[in-house]
Amino acid sequence: MEYIDMITKKHIFLTFNNLLISAFTVWMTIVLVGAIRNDHFFIGNVSALAISLIILLILLIIVYLKVSKFRMVCKLLFVKYAYVAAPTLLVLILLWQLLILKQTYTKIGFDAGLIHNFLKNPHLSTSYLSTYPNNLFLLFFQKYLLNFFNMKLNWLNAGYLSLICTDVSVVLNLLTVGVINKRKINLAIYIHCVFLFLFPMIIVPYSDTMVLPFVSACLFASSCVIYLKNEIVRIGAAIFLGGSLSGAYLMKPSSITPIIAMMIVYGLYMCTLSRREIFSREMLEKAFLPILFIFVFAGIGVVSFNHYTEEQNFVHVQKGMALPPIHFISMGMIGKGGYNQEDVRRTLSLKKPEARRKYSKEVMNNRIKQMGPLGFVKFLLFKNYNNTSDGSFGWNVEGGFITAPVGKGSRGFFQSFLYPTGKRLGDFYWFAQLGWSTILITIILGYDNRTRYTQMLRLSILGGLLFLLIFEGGRSRYLIQFLPMYLILAILVFDNAKERLTRVANGLR
């Protein structure tokens, strides 16, 4: 009887894996179609310089495919001597980041500017922080980093903090890949270098980039807990995971989807084991004890910060003023599915928390009724497009993102690729769109790789997309918090995607 029960459980787990792969492939294909159809890919928006680079890129691909000697040289340089090429390229990219930051840093608007102003003058009206207390952790995290590095508050130094967080995230991603499969370290460096080259968000000191090290730390620590055998190291990783999880949750609650996904995937796997295996000493050491440490230290982190916010006197926060979660659901059901100033104004006009929740619930129900079932499905597809199609991750989309004009000289040249009035902005958009589409194609074609860790990454990505569909979205800036999952998944499934693409290419010949 127990044998039959185990077969049934394994069948359920196998069915879950197949459904997950199917749902992931369909959803990612929809995202890819949206990315390809995005206006950023319109060739008429790029300059002559970009067109020349695009032609050169196409020629290099053709030469690589057709000329065996050129292909051998590339493999010699980037594969055989990757231990030299990869670190060298990484150093060059770090220098590129510093150059971009120095040449393009500027005052940033929207919420990033408000946090900067509070750090500069904490005695400003704190109605914003009372309304959005979720940004308190961001405020104090920036304050801590400025003190730790003994930096004065200005936009350049704020950009350095964002750069540090982004690069720490990359280092942790590389360590995660190293724990899972050391042979893919060089590939991981190459892919992350392309990502960093096309990621100007380092000049924006906001939670989008500053949550990245916490998300990557969660992925790194979870890989250590799962793959490493030394019990002391695994317990240490579990404690580190608990602290990282609390930081991710406090910075952006939606960023903890990898841990939720891990609990689901590995929890279902454990259900396939026999009772003897589940309650064995080995399972206690490998699963139950690390889980205990994770949640205990995550809880300690959250409780400690909440206690700190109550005791601190840096800024004053009025309790009971926060917008309820259902407000962000109802607001995400109108327009492009993103921020709606009129919704915020009307909700804030109600002073009591219960009245705000009741009003938001009524608004949500009315909007669903007005759209109807078919209209609601169309709206979700439209919102998903807005959430995911932009490969620049919402660059220049926010109100008052960058208000400074393009300068002159070398600063003006670099700013022309990134500033709203820059004449080469379309060039950046095009190549950013190419990079995003390539990542999507890779993770779609790599569906043959079905290890539990890659399945966890797929489920966490789907969880993130689902969160953005339910709550406020409307622009792809919110995808930044999930980029470590996309990048690591693309690395782990790269060989599978390459093999499948090769078979398709050979079939077309």
Protein backbone atom coordinates (compact mmCIF):
# COMPACT_ATOMS: atom_id res chain seq x y z
CA MET A 1 0.00 0.00 0.00
CA GLU A 2 2.82 2.42 0.91
CA TYR A 3 4.56 1.57 -2.40
CA ILE A 4 1.40 2.41 -4.37
CA ASP A 5 0.98 5.62 -2.35
CA MET A 6 4.56 6.65 -3.21
CA ILE A 7 3.93 6.02 -6.92
CA THR A 8 0.82 8.24 -6.74
CA LYS A 9 2.79 11.01 -5.00
CA LYS A 10 5.59 10.84 -7.56
CA HIS A 11 3.00 11.00 -10.33
CA ILE A 12 1.51 14.14 -8.73
CA PHE A 13 4.99 15.70 -8.52
CA LEU A 14 5.69 14.81 -12.16
CA THR A 15 2.34 16.30 -13.19
CA PHE A 16 3.18 19.48 -11.27
CA ASN A 17 6.52 19.74 -13.10
CA ASN A 18 4.86 19.29 -16.49
CA LEU A 19 2.17 21.86 -15.71
CA LEU A 20 4.80 24.30 -14.47
CA ILE A 21 6.87 23.92 -17.63
CA SER A 22 3.78 24.36 -19.81
CA ALA A 23 2.51 27.42 -17.94
CA PHE A 24 5.99 28.96 -17.86
CA THR A 25 6.61 28.38 -21.59
CA VAL A 26 3.22 29.82 -22.60
CA TRP A 27 3.56 32.88 -20.36
CA MET A 28 7.16 33.56 -21.40
CA THR A 29 6.19 33.21 -25.06
CA ILE A 30 3.49 35.84 -24.53
CA VAL A 31 6.10 38.07 -22.88
CA LEU A 32 8.54 37.48 -25.75
CA VAL A 33 5.93 38.39 -28.37
CA GLY A 34 5.26 41.59 -26.46
CA ALA A 35 8.98 42.37 -26.25
CA ILE A 36 9.44 41.85 -30.00
CA ARG A 37 6.41 44.05 -30.76
CA ASN A 38 7.57 46.85 -28.46
CA ASP A 39 8.21 50.22 -30.12
CA HIS A 40 11.79 50.18 -28.83
CA PHE A 41 12.55 47.64 -31.56
CA PHE A 42 11.47 50.05 -34.32
CA ILE A 43 14.60 50.55 -36.42
CA GLY A 44 13.45 54.03 -37.45
CA ASN A 45 14.15 55.29 -33.91
CA VAL A 46 17.88 54.52 -33.97
CA SER A 47 20.77 56.63 -35.22
CA ALA A 48 23.17 55.89 -38.06
CA LEU A 49 25.77 54.86 -35.48
CA ALA A 50 23.44 52.23 -34.04
CA ILE A 51 22.51 50.94 -37.48
CA SER A 52 26.22 50.51 -38.22
CA LEU A 53 26.66 48.55 -34.99
CA ILE A 54 23.62 46.39 -35.76
CA ILE A 55 24.98 45.57 -39.22
CA LEU A 56 28.38 44.78 -37.69
CA LEU A 57 26.75 42.49 -35.14
CA ILE A 58 24.84 40.63 -37.88
CA LEU A 59 28.03 40.25 -39.94
CA LEU A 60 29.93 38.88 -36.95
CA ILE A 61 27.20 36.29 -36.35
CA ILE A 62 27.26 35.25 -40.03
CA VAL A 63 31.06 35.02 -40.07
CA TYR A 64 31.00 32.99 -36.85
CA LEU A 65 28.52 30.53 -38.34
CA LYS A 66 30.15 30.27 -41.78
CA VAL A 67 33.91 30.67 -41.20
CA SER A 68 35.39 27.82 -39.18
CA LYS A 69 38.72 29.59 -38.49
CA PHE A 70 36.96 32.62 -37.00
CA ARG A 71 34.81 30.30 -34.91
CA MET A 72 37.93 28.49 -33.66
CA VAL A 73 39.57 31.80 -32.67
CA CYS A 74 36.45 32.84 -30.74
CA LYS A 75 36.30 29.52 -28.92
CA LEU A 76 40.01 29.71 -28.18
CA LEU A 77 39.67 33.20 -26.71
CA PHE A 78 36.35 32.96 -24.89
CA VAL A 79 36.24 29.24 -24.00
CA LYS A 80 39.75 27.79 -23.69
CA TYR A 81 41.21 30.98 -22.21
CA ALA A 82 38.02 32.06 -20.50
CA TYR A 83 39.88 32.18 -17.17
CA VAL A 84 41.61 35.27 -18.61
CA ALA A 85 38.91 36.67 -20.91
CA ALA A 86 36.01 36.51 -18.44
CA PRO A 87 37.66 38.35 -15.50
CA THR A 88 39.17 40.90 -17.90
CA LEU A 89 35.77 41.60 -19.42
CA LEU A 90 34.24 41.91 -15.94
CA VAL A 91 36.85 44.49 -14.90
CA LEU A 92 36.23 46.46 -18.11
CA ILE A 93 32.49 46.44 -17.41
CA LEU A 94 33.06 47.72 -13.88
CA LEU A 95 35.11 50.58 -15.33
CA TRP A 96 32.29 51.18 -17.84
CA GLN A 97 29.80 51.44 -14.97
CA LEU A 98 31.96 54.02 -13.20
CA LEU A 99 32.25 55.99 -16.44
CA ILE A 100 28.49 55.94 -17.05
CA LEU A 101 27.78 56.97 -13.46
CA LYS A 102 30.26 59.85 -13.52
CA GLN A 103 29.04 61.12 -16.90
CA THR A 104 25.28 60.75 -16.48
CA TYR A 105 24.40 61.03 -12.76
CA THR A 106 21.72 63.61 -12.10
CA LYS A 107 18.78 64.45 -9.90
CA ILE A 108 16.10 61.76 -10.14
CA GLY A 109 12.40 62.42 -9.68
CA PHE A 110 9.48 60.25 -8.48
CA ASP A 111 9.90 58.31 -5.20
CA ALA A 112 13.70 58.11 -5.49
CA GLY A 113 13.84 61.89 -5.27
CA LEU A 114 11.52 61.96 -2.26
CA ILE A 115 13.70 59.50 -0.33
CA HIS A 116 16.76 61.59 -1.22
CA ASN A 117 15.03 64.71 0.10
CA PHE A 118 14.15 62.99 3.39
CA LEU A 119 17.79 61.98 3.86
CA LYS A 120 18.78 65.59 3.22
CA ASN A 121 16.06 67.10 5.39
CA PRO A 122 14.27 64.58 7.64
CA HIS A 123 12.05 67.34 9.07
CA LEU A 124 10.07 67.63 5.84
CA SER A 125 6.40 66.70 5.91
CA THR A 126 6.37 62.93 6.39
CA SER A 127 2.91 62.27 5.00
CA TYR A 128 4.59 60.34 2.17
CA LEU A 129 6.34 57.96 4.56
CA SER A 130 3.15 57.61 6.59
CA THR A 131 1.28 56.68 3.42
CA TYR A 132 4.04 54.42 2.07
CA PRO A 133 5.78 53.02 5.19
CA ASN A 134 7.24 50.24 3.02
CA ASN A 135 9.91 52.77 1.95
CA LEU A 136 11.15 53.25 5.51
CA PHE A 137 13.59 50.36 5.16
CA LEU A 138 14.95 51.91 1.95
CA LEU A 139 15.41 55.23 3.73
CA PHE A 140 17.31 53.76 6.66
CA PHE A 141 19.28 51.38 4.43
CA GLN A 142 20.58 54.32 2.38
CA LYS A 143 21.29 56.24 5.58
CA TYR A 144 23.25 53.28 6.96
CA LEU A 145 25.29 52.86 3.77
CA LEU A 146 26.13 56.57 3.62
CA ASN A 147 27.39 56.41 7.20
CA PHE A 148 29.22 53.12 6.65
CA PHE A 149 31.14 54.43 3.63
CA ASN A 150 31.48 57.91 5.22
CA MET A 151 29.82 59.54 2.19
CA LYS A 152 28.21 62.94 1.96
CA LEU A 153 24.69 62.97 0.60
CA ASN A 154 24.59 63.98 -3.05
CA TRP A 155 23.30 62.41 -6.23
CA LEU A 156 26.69 61.06 -7.27
CA ASN A 157 27.22 59.24 -3.98
CA ALA A 158 23.63 58.01 -4.03
CA GLY A 159 24.42 56.58 -7.46
CA TYR A 160 27.47 54.85 -6.03
CA LEU A 161 25.23 53.14 -3.47
CA SER A 162 22.97 51.89 -6.26
CA LEU A 163 26.01 50.70 -8.22
CA ILE A 164 27.40 48.86 -5.19
CA CYS A 165 24.07 47.10 -4.60
CA THR A 166 23.85 46.08 -8.26
CA ASP A 167 27.41 44.74 -8.35
CA VAL A 168 27.09 42.89 -5.03
CA SER A 169 24.01 41.23 -6.52
CA VAL A 170 26.05 40.17 -9.55
CA VAL A 171 28.82 38.72 -7.37
CA LEU A 172 26.24 36.74 -5.38
CA ASN A 173 24.66 35.50 -8.61
CA LEU A 174 28.06 34.27 -9.79
CA LEU A 175 28.60 32.51 -6.47
CA THR A 176 25.18 30.88 -6.81
CA VAL A 177 26.08 29.52 -10.23
CA GLY A 178 29.42 28.34 -8.82
CA VAL A 179 27.68 26.36 -6.09
CA ILE A 180 25.27 24.74 -8.55
CA ASN A 181 27.63 24.17 -11.51
CA LYS A 182 31.21 25.50 -11.46
CA ARG A 183 31.65 24.86 -15.17
CA LYS A 184 29.16 27.63 -15.95
CA ILE A 185 31.01 30.39 -14.06
CA ASN A 186 32.58 31.91 -17.18
CA LEU A 187 29.29 31.83 -19.04
CA ALA A 188 27.69 33.52 -16.04
CA ILE A 189 30.29 36.29 -16.17
CA TYR A 190 29.71 36.88 -19.90
CA ILE A 191 25.93 37.07 -19.50
CA HIS A 192 26.16 39.38 -16.49
CA CYS A 193 28.59 41.64 -18.33
CA VAL A 194 26.04 42.14 -21.11
CA PHE A 195 23.40 42.83 -18.47
CA LEU A 196 25.57 45.43 -16.69
CA PHE A 197 26.52 47.09 -19.97
CA LEU A 198 22.84 47.72 -20.75
CA PHE A 199 21.70 48.60 -17.22
CA PRO A 200 21.83 52.37 -16.55
CA MET A 201 19.55 52.00 -13.50
CA ILE A 202 22.74 52.21 -11.43
CA ILE A 203 22.25 56.00 -11.42
CA VAL A 204 18.81 55.62 -9.80
CA PRO A 205 19.09 55.10 -6.00
CA TYR A 206 15.80 53.36 -5.37
CA SER A 207 14.52 50.04 -4.05
CA ASP A 208 14.53 48.50 -7.55
CA THR A 209 18.33 48.20 -7.47
CA MET A 210 18.84 48.23 -3.71
CA VAL A 211 16.73 45.12 -3.20
CA LEU A 212 18.89 43.17 -5.67
CA PRO A 213 21.63 42.11 -3.21
CA PHE A 214 18.98 40.77 -0.83
CA VAL A 215 17.28 38.76 -3.60
CA SER A 216 20.61 37.42 -4.86
CA ALA A 217 21.67 36.63 -1.29
CA CYS A 218 18.48 34.56 -0.90
CA LEU A 219 19.29 32.63 -4.07
CA PHE A 220 22.93 32.11 -3.06
CA ALA A 221 22.07 31.00 0.47
CA SER A 222 19.33 28.67 -0.77
CA SER A 223 21.75 27.07 -3.24
CA CYS A 224 24.20 26.46 -0.37
CA VAL A 225 21.47 24.91 1.79
CA ILE A 226 20.38 22.65 -1.07
CA TYR A 227 23.66 21.67 -2.74
CA LEU A 228 26.40 21.78 -0.09
CA LYS A 229 27.01 18.80 2.20
CA ASN A 230 28.86 20.36 5.14
CA GLU A 231 26.28 20.69 7.91
CA ILE A 232 27.93 23.68 9.60
CA VAL A 233 28.10 25.57 6.31
CA ARG A 234 24.49 24.72 5.53
CA ILE A 235 23.29 25.97 8.93
CA GLY A 236 25.30 29.16 8.42
CA ALA A 237 23.72 29.53 4.98
CA ALA A 238 20.27 29.05 6.51
CA ILE A 239 20.93 31.83 9.02
CA PHE A 240 22.21 34.05 6.19
CA LEU A 241 19.12 33.18 4.18
CA GLY A 242 16.87 34.19 7.07
CA GLY A 243 18.55 37.59 7.35
CA SER A 244 18.49 38.13 3.59
CA LEU A 245 14.84 37.12 3.44
CA SER A 246 13.92 39.71 6.07
CA GLY A 247 15.84 42.40 4.16
CA ALA A 248 14.15 41.51 0.87
CA TYR A 249 10.72 41.49 2.52
CA LEU A 250 11.25 44.86 4.22
CA MET A 251 12.58 46.48 1.04
CA LYS A 252 10.04 44.96 -1.39
CA PRO A 253 7.64 42.29 -0.07
CA SER A 254 7.08 40.95 -3.59
CA SER A 255 10.79 40.08 -3.90
CA ILE A 256 10.50 37.04 -1.59
CA THR A 257 8.85 34.95 -4.32
CA PRO A 258 11.98 32.75 -4.75
CA ILE A 259 11.67 31.48 -1.17
CA ILE A 260 7.93 30.87 -1.54
CA ALA A 261 8.66 29.00 -4.78
CA MET A 262 11.42 27.00 -3.10
CA MET A 263 9.07 25.92 -0.30
CA ILE A 264 6.47 24.81 -2.86
CA VAL A 265 8.82 22.91 -5.19
CA TYR A 266 10.90 21.21 -2.50
CA GLY A 267 7.85 20.72 -0.28
CA LEU A 268 6.11 18.81 -3.07
CA TYR A 269 9.28 16.80 -3.66
CA MET A 270 9.41 15.82 0.01
CA CYS A 271 5.83 14.57 -0.29
CA THR A 272 7.10 11.94 -2.74
CA LEU A 273 9.35 10.44 -0.06
CA SER A 274 8.36 7.64 2.27
CA ARG A 275 7.53 8.33 5.92
CA ARG A 276 10.79 6.70 6.93
CA GLU A 277 12.75 9.07 4.69
CA ILE A 278 10.81 12.16 5.80
CA PHE A 279 11.32 11.51 9.50
CA SER A 280 14.89 10.31 9.19
CA ARG A 281 17.86 12.01 10.86
CA GLU A 282 19.24 12.90 7.43
CA MET A 283 16.05 14.77 6.49
CA LEU A 284 16.09 16.53 9.87
CA GLU A 285 19.59 17.83 9.19
CA LYS A 286 19.04 18.62 5.50
CA ALA A 287 15.57 20.18 5.61
CA PHE A 288 13.78 20.75 8.90
CA LEU A 289 16.69 22.25 10.85
CA PRO A 290 17.67 24.73 8.08
CA ILE A 291 14.00 25.71 7.64
CA LEU A 292 13.76 26.42 11.35
CA PHE A 293 16.83 28.67 11.25
CA ILE A 294 15.55 30.46 8.13
CA PHE A 295 12.23 31.45 9.64
CA VAL A 296 13.60 32.23 13.10
CA PHE A 297 16.24 34.64 11.78
CA ALA A 298 13.87 36.11 9.18
CA GLY A 299 11.42 36.80 12.00
CA ILE A 300 14.15 38.31 14.16
CA GLY A 301 15.13 40.62 11.31
CA VAL A 302 11.59 41.88 10.70
CA VAL A 303 10.77 42.29 14.40
CA SER A 304 14.05 44.08 15.06
CA PHE A 305 13.48 46.58 12.28
CA ASN A 306 9.89 47.24 13.35
CA HIS A 307 11.16 47.89 16.88
CA TYR A 308 13.84 50.20 15.48
CA THR A 309 11.32 52.26 13.50
CA GLU A 310 9.22 52.74 16.63
CA GLU A 311 12.21 53.89 18.70
CA GLN A 312 14.02 56.05 16.11
CA ASN A 313 13.57 59.82 15.99
CA PHE A 314 15.07 60.53 12.57
CA VAL A 315 11.66 60.86 10.87
CA HIS A 316 8.16 60.91 12.26
CA VAL A 317 5.70 58.38 10.85
CA GLN A 318 2.01 58.56 11.68
CA LYS A 319 0.42 55.16 12.21
CA GLY A 320 -2.84 54.20 10.54
CA MET A 321 -2.14 56.31 7.42
CA ALA A 322 -0.76 53.55 5.17
CA LEU A 323 -2.69 52.69 2.03
CA PRO A 324 -4.25 49.19 2.36
CA PRO A 325 -3.01 46.39 0.06
CA ILE A 326 -6.41 46.19 -1.64
CA HIS A 327 -5.92 49.80 -2.80
CA PHE A 328 -3.01 48.67 -4.99
CA ILE A 329 -5.15 45.86 -6.40
CA SER A 330 -8.01 48.19 -7.35
CA MET A 331 -5.58 50.79 -8.71
CA GLY A 332 -4.01 48.09 -10.86
CA MET A 333 -7.34 47.58 -12.66
CA ILE A 334 -7.55 50.85 -14.55
CA GLY A 335 -5.58 52.51 -17.32
CA LYS A 336 -2.32 50.71 -17.95
CA GLY A 337 -2.59 48.89 -14.65
CA GLY A 338 -0.16 51.21 -12.89
CA TYR A 339 -0.09 54.28 -10.68
CA ASN A 340 -3.26 56.36 -10.79
CA GLN A 341 -3.10 59.73 -9.05
CA GLU A 342 -6.89 60.14 -8.86
CA ASP A 343 -7.24 56.77 -7.10
CA VAL A 344 -4.59 57.76 -4.58
CA ARG A 345 -6.20 61.16 -3.96
CA ARG A 346 -9.65 59.70 -3.36
CA THR A 347 -8.37 56.94 -1.09
CA LEU A 348 -6.27 59.36 0.96
CA SER A 349 -9.29 61.63 1.42
CA LEU A 350 -10.71 58.90 3.67
CA LYS A 351 -8.94 59.14 7.00
CA LYS A 352 -9.98 55.86 8.65
CA PRO A 353 -8.18 52.62 7.56
CA GLU A 354 -11.43 50.65 7.45
CA ALA A 355 -13.06 53.27 5.22
CA ARG A 356 -10.09 53.09 2.83
CA ARG A 357 -10.29 49.30 2.65
CA LYS A 358 -14.05 49.38 2.07
CA TYR A 359 -13.76 52.04 -0.65
CA SER A 360 -10.94 50.21 -2.46
CA LYS A 361 -12.90 46.95 -2.36
CA GLU A 362 -15.96 48.65 -3.87
CA VAL A 363 -13.84 50.24 -6.60
CA MET A 364 -12.22 46.89 -7.38
CA ASN A 365 -15.56 45.06 -7.64
CA ASN A 366 -17.07 47.81 -9.81
CA ARG A 367 -14.15 47.74 -12.24
CA ILE A 368 -14.33 43.96 -12.58
CA LYS A 369 -18.10 44.16 -13.26
CA GLN A 370 -17.65 46.94 -15.82
CA MET A 371 -15.04 44.96 -17.77
CA GLY A 372 -16.89 41.64 -17.69
CA PRO A 373 -15.13 38.26 -17.99
CA LEU A 374 -13.86 38.75 -21.56
CA GLY A 375 -12.91 42.37 -20.96
CA PHE A 376 -11.06 41.41 -17.79
CA VAL A 377 -8.99 38.81 -19.70
CA LYS A 378 -8.16 41.40 -22.38
CA PHE A 379 -7.17 43.88 -19.70
CA LEU A 380 -4.85 41.33 -18.05
CA LEU A 381 -3.14 40.65 -21.39
CA PHE A 382 -2.78 44.40 -21.93
CA LYS A 383 -1.41 44.87 -18.41
CA ASN A 384 0.99 41.94 -18.81
CA TYR A 385 2.32 43.64 -21.94
CA ASN A 386 2.86 46.87 -20.00
CA ASN A 387 4.49 44.94 -17.17
CA THR A 388 6.98 42.98 -19.25
CA SER A 389 7.54 44.22 -22.81
CA ASP A 390 9.96 47.09 -22.13
CA GLY A 391 13.55 45.82 -22.19
CA SER A 392 14.84 49.09 -20.71
CA PHE A 393 12.84 48.28 -17.55
CA GLY A 394 10.84 51.47 -17.55
CA TRP A 395 13.69 53.89 -18.27
CA ASN A 396 12.27 57.45 -18.44
CA VAL A 397 8.73 56.19 -17.84
CA GLU A 398 8.22 57.57 -14.32
CA GLY A 399 7.04 61.16 -13.91
CA GLY A 400 10.01 63.51 -13.51
CA PHE A 401 12.46 60.64 -13.98
CA ILE A 402 15.21 62.90 -15.34
CA THR A 403 14.49 66.60 -15.85
CA ALA A 404 18.03 67.84 -16.60
CA PRO A 405 18.89 68.76 -20.20
CA VAL A 406 21.64 67.03 -22.18
CA GLY A 407 24.98 68.69 -21.48
CA LYS A 408 27.98 69.30 -23.71
CA GLY A 409 31.26 67.54 -24.34
CA SER A 410 31.82 63.97 -23.17
CA ARG A 411 29.01 64.20 -20.60
CA GLY A 412 26.63 65.33 -23.31
CA PHE A 413 27.64 62.40 -25.53
CA PHE A 414 26.85 59.78 -22.89
CA GLN A 415 23.74 61.63 -21.72
CA SER A 416 22.41 61.63 -25.29
CA PHE A 417 21.92 57.86 -24.99
CA LEU A 418 19.99 58.00 -21.70
CA TYR A 419 18.34 61.38 -21.09
CA PRO A 420 14.74 61.94 -22.26
CA THR A 421 15.85 64.65 -24.71
CA GLY A 422 18.90 62.70 -25.92
CA LYS A 423 19.07 62.24 -29.69
CA ARG A 424 20.56 58.74 -29.30
CA LEU A 425 18.05 57.49 -26.71
CA GLY A 426 16.52 55.18 -29.33
CA ASP A 427 19.91 53.45 -29.66
CA PHE A 428 19.92 52.47 -26.00
CA TYR A 429 16.29 51.33 -26.19
CA TRP A 430 17.00 49.11 -29.21
CA PHE A 431 19.97 47.27 -27.71
CA ALA A 432 18.26 46.97 -24.31
CA GLN A 433 15.29 45.40 -26.09
CA LEU A 434 17.62 42.99 -27.88
CA GLY A 435 19.23 41.94 -24.60
CA TRP A 436 15.85 41.37 -22.90
CA SER A 437 14.50 39.39 -25.86
CA THR A 438 17.62 37.21 -25.92
CA ILE A 439 17.20 36.34 -22.24
CA LEU A 440 13.56 35.42 -22.86
CA ILE A 441 14.40 33.23 -25.86
CA THR A 442 17.08 31.43 -23.84
CA ILE A 443 14.86 30.57 -20.89
CA ILE A 444 12.02 29.50 -23.21
CA LEU A 445 14.19 27.15 -25.31
CA GLY A 446 15.87 25.71 -22.22
CA TYR A 447 12.75 23.94 -20.99
CA ASP A 448 14.49 20.54 -21.12
CA ASN A 449 16.39 21.46 -17.96
CA ARG A 450 14.03 20.42 -15.16
CA THR A 451 16.14 20.23 -12.03
CA ARG A 452 14.36 21.20 -8.85
CA TYR A 453 16.37 24.43 -8.62
CA THR A 454 15.55 25.55 -12.17
CA GLN A 455 11.91 24.67 -11.50
CA MET A 456 12.06 26.82 -8.40
CA LEU A 457 13.40 29.71 -10.49
CA ARG A 458 10.62 29.25 -13.05
CA LEU A 459 7.94 29.21 -10.36
CA SER A 460 9.41 32.31 -8.69
CA ILE A 461 9.35 34.16 -12.03
CA LEU A 462 5.72 33.16 -12.57
CA GLY A 463 4.94 34.26 -9.02
CA GLY A 464 6.49 37.65 -9.71
CA LEU A 465 4.51 38.10 -12.92
CA LEU A 466 1.32 37.05 -11.16
CA PHE A 467 1.97 39.56 -8.37
CA LEU A 468 2.37 42.36 -10.92
CA LEU A 469 -0.85 41.32 -12.62
CA ILE A 470 -2.78 41.46 -9.35
CA PHE A 471 -1.25 44.59 -7.83
CA GLU A 472 -0.01 47.90 -9.20
CA GLY A 473 2.16 47.36 -12.27
CA GLY A 474 1.93 49.07 -15.61
CA ARG A 475 5.65 49.36 -16.35
CA SER A 476 8.56 46.93 -16.45
CA ARG A 477 10.59 48.77 -13.79
CA TYR A 478 9.00 46.38 -11.31
CA LEU A 479 10.72 43.46 -13.08
CA ILE A 480 14.14 44.60 -11.88
CA GLN A 481 13.65 42.94 -8.48
CA PHE A 482 13.21 39.59 -10.26
CA LEU A 483 16.21 39.90 -12.63
CA PRO A 484 18.52 37.61 -10.59
CA MET A 485 16.08 34.74 -11.24
CA TYR A 486 15.95 35.47 -14.97
CA LEU A 487 19.75 35.74 -15.27
CA ILE A 488 20.57 32.63 -13.24
CA LEU A 489 17.90 30.59 -15.02
CA ALA A 490 19.23 31.70 -18.42
CA ILE A 491 22.73 30.56 -17.38
CA LEU A 492 21.62 27.18 -16.05
CA VAL A 493 19.52 26.33 -19.13
CA PHE A 494 21.85 27.92 -21.71
CA ASP A 495 23.31 24.63 -22.98
CA ASN A 496 19.82 23.15 -23.38
CA ALA A 497 18.65 26.22 -25.29
CA LYS A 498 21.77 26.19 -27.47
CA GLU A 499 21.31 22.51 -28.31
CA ARG A 500 17.64 23.00 -29.19
CA LEU A 501 18.43 26.08 -31.31
CA THR A 502 21.15 24.12 -33.13
CA ARG A 503 18.73 21.30 -33.91
CA VAL A 504 16.18 23.79 -35.25
CA ALA A 505 18.85 25.49 -37.39
CA ASN A 506 20.05 22.15 -38.78
CA GLY A 507 16.47 21.20 -39.58
CA LEU A 508 16.01 24.36 -41.64
CA ARG A 509 19.08 23.70 -43.78
